[in-house]
Amino acid sequence: MQAKSKQIRDLLGMYPMDPDWSIPSMVDKNPLIWMLEVNGLIIDVRQAPREFQEAAFRKGLIPYIPDA
């Protein structure tokens, strides 16, 4: 059974905490959804200035602008 599930994950290109396979209620808890590369550094956009969050939202990089 485990080998078959690995085949399915490989076929679908899935990996742990894959944002494409997150259910809506878990979006806040999935750190990969909020990680962005800015000037070569990976940042959590929830900790970034509001203007960065707004730009990321307009580009479709994050699902919504988090509350401050």
N, C-alpha and C. Protein backbone atom coordinates (compact mmCIF):
# COMPACT_ATOMS: atom_id res chain seq x y z
N MET A 1 0.82 -1.19 0.00
CA MET A 1 0.00 0.00 0.00
C MET A 1 0.87 1.26 0.00
N GLN A 2 1.94 1.27 0.79
CA GLN A 2 2.80 2.44 0.86
C GLN A 2 3.50 2.69 -0.48
N ALA A 3 3.93 1.63 -1.14
CA ALA A 3 4.58 1.78 -2.44
C ALA A 3 3.62 2.37 -3.46
N LYS A 4 2.37 1.95 -3.40
CA LYS A 4 1.36 2.46 -4.34
C LYS A 4 1.10 3.95 -4.06
N SER A 5 1.05 4.34 -2.79
CA SER A 5 0.81 5.75 -2.48
C SER A 5 2.00 6.61 -2.96
N LYS A 6 3.20 6.09 -2.88
CA LYS A 6 4.38 6.81 -3.39
C LYS A 6 4.27 6.99 -4.90
N GLN A 7 3.82 5.97 -5.59
CA GLN A 7 3.63 6.08 -7.04
C GLN A 7 2.63 7.19 -7.37
N ILE A 8 1.55 7.24 -6.61
CA ILE A 8 0.52 8.25 -6.86
C ILE A 8 1.07 9.65 -6.58
N ARG A 9 1.80 9.81 -5.46
CA ARG A 9 2.40 11.11 -5.14
C ARG A 9 3.38 11.54 -6.22
N ASP A 10 4.20 10.61 -6.69
CA ASP A 10 5.16 10.92 -7.75
C ASP A 10 4.46 11.29 -9.05
N LEU A 11 3.42 10.56 -9.38
CA LEU A 11 2.66 10.81 -10.60
C LEU A 11 2.03 12.21 -10.58
N LEU A 12 1.50 12.60 -9.42
CA LEU A 12 0.85 13.90 -9.30
C LEU A 12 1.81 15.02 -8.93
N GLY A 13 3.08 14.68 -8.67
CA GLY A 13 4.07 15.70 -8.32
C GLY A 13 3.80 16.31 -6.95
N MET A 14 3.29 15.52 -6.02
CA MET A 14 2.96 16.01 -4.68
C MET A 14 4.16 15.92 -3.75
N TYR A 15 4.20 16.80 -2.77
CA TYR A 15 5.22 16.78 -1.73
C TYR A 15 4.57 17.28 -0.43
N PRO A 16 5.20 17.05 0.72
CA PRO A 16 4.60 17.48 1.98
C PRO A 16 4.31 18.98 2.00
N MET A 17 3.14 19.32 2.48
CA MET A 17 2.67 20.71 2.62
C MET A 17 2.54 21.42 1.27
N ASP A 18 2.29 20.68 0.21
CA ASP A 18 2.14 21.24 -1.13
C ASP A 18 0.97 22.22 -1.14
N PRO A 19 1.21 23.51 -1.44
CA PRO A 19 0.12 24.49 -1.44
C PRO A 19 -1.02 24.15 -2.40
N ASP A 20 -0.69 23.47 -3.51
CA ASP A 20 -1.73 23.12 -4.47
C ASP A 20 -2.73 22.11 -3.92
N TRP A 21 -2.35 21.38 -2.89
CA TRP A 21 -3.20 20.33 -2.33
C TRP A 21 -3.67 20.67 -0.92
N SER A 22 -3.53 21.92 -0.49
CA SER A 22 -3.99 22.34 0.83
C SER A 22 -5.49 22.64 0.79
N ILE A 23 -6.18 22.21 1.82
CA ILE A 23 -7.60 22.54 1.91
C ILE A 23 -7.72 23.97 2.45
N PRO A 24 -8.78 24.68 2.11
CA PRO A 24 -8.90 26.09 2.51
C PRO A 24 -8.76 26.34 4.01
N SER A 25 -9.23 25.44 4.83
CA SER A 25 -9.14 25.66 6.28
C SER A 25 -7.71 25.55 6.81
N MET A 26 -6.78 25.03 6.01
CA MET A 26 -5.39 24.87 6.45
C MET A 26 -4.45 25.91 5.84
N VAL A 27 -4.95 26.83 5.05
CA VAL A 27 -4.11 27.83 4.38
C VAL A 27 -3.28 28.62 5.39
N ASP A 28 -3.89 29.02 6.50
CA ASP A 28 -3.18 29.81 7.50
C ASP A 28 -2.04 29.04 8.15
N LYS A 29 -2.16 27.74 8.21
CA LYS A 29 -1.17 26.91 8.90
C LYS A 29 -0.09 26.36 7.98
N ASN A 30 -0.20 26.58 6.69
CA ASN A 30 0.77 26.05 5.73
C ASN A 30 1.82 27.12 5.41
N PRO A 31 3.03 26.99 5.96
CA PRO A 31 4.04 28.04 5.76
C PRO A 31 4.50 28.18 4.31
N LEU A 32 4.39 27.14 3.50
CA LEU A 32 4.86 27.24 2.12
C LEU A 32 4.02 28.20 1.28
N ILE A 33 2.78 28.40 1.66
CA ILE A 33 1.92 29.33 0.92
C ILE A 33 2.42 30.76 1.10
N TRP A 34 3.03 31.05 2.24
CA TRP A 34 3.41 32.41 2.58
C TRP A 34 4.87 32.73 2.33
N MET A 35 5.65 31.77 1.84
CA MET A 35 7.07 32.00 1.59
C MET A 35 7.28 32.55 0.18
N LEU A 36 8.01 33.66 0.09
CA LEU A 36 8.32 34.27 -1.20
C LEU A 36 9.80 34.62 -1.23
N GLU A 37 10.35 34.63 -2.43
CA GLU A 37 11.74 35.04 -2.60
C GLU A 37 11.79 36.52 -2.97
N VAL A 38 12.51 37.30 -2.16
CA VAL A 38 12.66 38.73 -2.39
C VAL A 38 14.15 39.04 -2.38
N ASN A 39 14.66 39.51 -3.50
CA ASN A 39 16.09 39.82 -3.64
C ASN A 39 16.98 38.65 -3.23
N GLY A 40 16.56 37.46 -3.60
CA GLY A 40 17.36 36.27 -3.33
C GLY A 40 17.17 35.67 -1.94
N LEU A 41 16.36 36.28 -1.10
CA LEU A 41 16.10 35.78 0.25
C LEU A 41 14.67 35.26 0.35
N ILE A 42 14.49 34.16 1.05
CA ILE A 42 13.14 33.63 1.29
C ILE A 42 12.59 34.32 2.52
N ILE A 43 11.40 34.94 2.38
CA ILE A 43 10.77 35.60 3.52
C ILE A 43 9.35 35.08 3.70
N ASP A 44 8.85 35.22 4.92
CA ASP A 44 7.44 34.95 5.21
C ASP A 44 6.71 36.26 4.96
N VAL A 45 5.91 36.30 3.92
CA VAL A 45 5.27 37.56 3.51
C VAL A 45 4.32 38.08 4.59
N ARG A 46 3.89 37.23 5.53
CA ARG A 46 3.04 37.71 6.62
C ARG A 46 3.80 38.67 7.53
N GLN A 47 5.14 38.60 7.54
CA GLN A 47 5.96 39.48 8.36
C GLN A 47 6.48 40.67 7.56
N ALA A 48 6.18 40.73 6.28
CA ALA A 48 6.67 41.80 5.40
C ALA A 48 5.78 43.04 5.54
N PRO A 49 6.30 44.18 5.10
CA PRO A 49 5.47 45.41 5.10
C PRO A 49 4.21 45.22 4.25
N ARG A 50 3.20 45.97 4.59
CA ARG A 50 1.89 45.86 3.93
C ARG A 50 2.01 46.05 2.40
N GLU A 51 2.87 46.95 1.95
CA GLU A 51 3.01 47.19 0.50
C GLU A 51 3.50 45.95 -0.22
N PHE A 52 4.40 45.15 0.41
CA PHE A 52 4.85 43.89 -0.18
C PHE A 52 3.70 42.90 -0.26
N GLN A 53 2.90 42.85 0.81
CA GLN A 53 1.76 41.94 0.84
C GLN A 53 0.75 42.29 -0.26
N GLU A 54 0.49 43.57 -0.43
CA GLU A 54 -0.46 44.00 -1.45
C GLU A 54 0.06 43.66 -2.85
N ALA A 55 1.35 43.88 -3.08
CA ALA A 55 1.93 43.57 -4.39
C ALA A 55 1.88 42.06 -4.65
N ALA A 56 2.19 41.26 -3.64
CA ALA A 56 2.15 39.80 -3.80
C ALA A 56 0.73 39.33 -4.07
N PHE A 57 -0.25 39.94 -3.42
CA PHE A 57 -1.65 39.57 -3.66
C PHE A 57 -2.08 39.94 -5.07
N ARG A 58 -1.71 41.14 -5.53
CA ARG A 58 -2.07 41.56 -6.89
C ARG A 58 -1.49 40.61 -7.94
N LYS A 59 -0.28 40.09 -7.66
CA LYS A 59 0.36 39.17 -8.61
C LYS A 59 -0.14 37.73 -8.46
N GLY A 60 -1.00 37.49 -7.48
CA GLY A 60 -1.55 36.16 -7.29
C GLY A 60 -0.60 35.21 -6.58
N LEU A 61 0.38 35.75 -5.86
CA LEU A 61 1.36 34.91 -5.18
C LEU A 61 0.88 34.43 -3.81
N ILE A 62 -0.05 35.16 -3.20
CA ILE A 62 -0.64 34.77 -1.93
C ILE A 62 -2.15 34.80 -2.05
N PRO A 63 -2.88 34.00 -1.26
CA PRO A 63 -4.33 33.91 -1.43
C PRO A 63 -5.10 35.12 -0.93
N TYR A 64 -4.58 35.83 0.05
CA TYR A 64 -5.22 37.03 0.58
C TYR A 64 -4.19 37.84 1.35
N ILE A 65 -4.54 39.08 1.71
CA ILE A 65 -3.64 39.93 2.49
C ILE A 65 -3.93 39.62 3.96
N PRO A 66 -2.93 39.11 4.68
CA PRO A 66 -3.16 38.75 6.08
C PRO A 66 -3.40 39.97 6.95
N ASP A 67 -4.17 39.79 8.03
CA ASP A 67 -4.41 40.87 8.99
C ASP A 67 -3.13 41.19 9.74
N ALA A 68 -2.99 42.44 10.09
CA ALA A 68 -1.78 42.88 10.83
C ALA A 68 -1.87 42.52 12.29
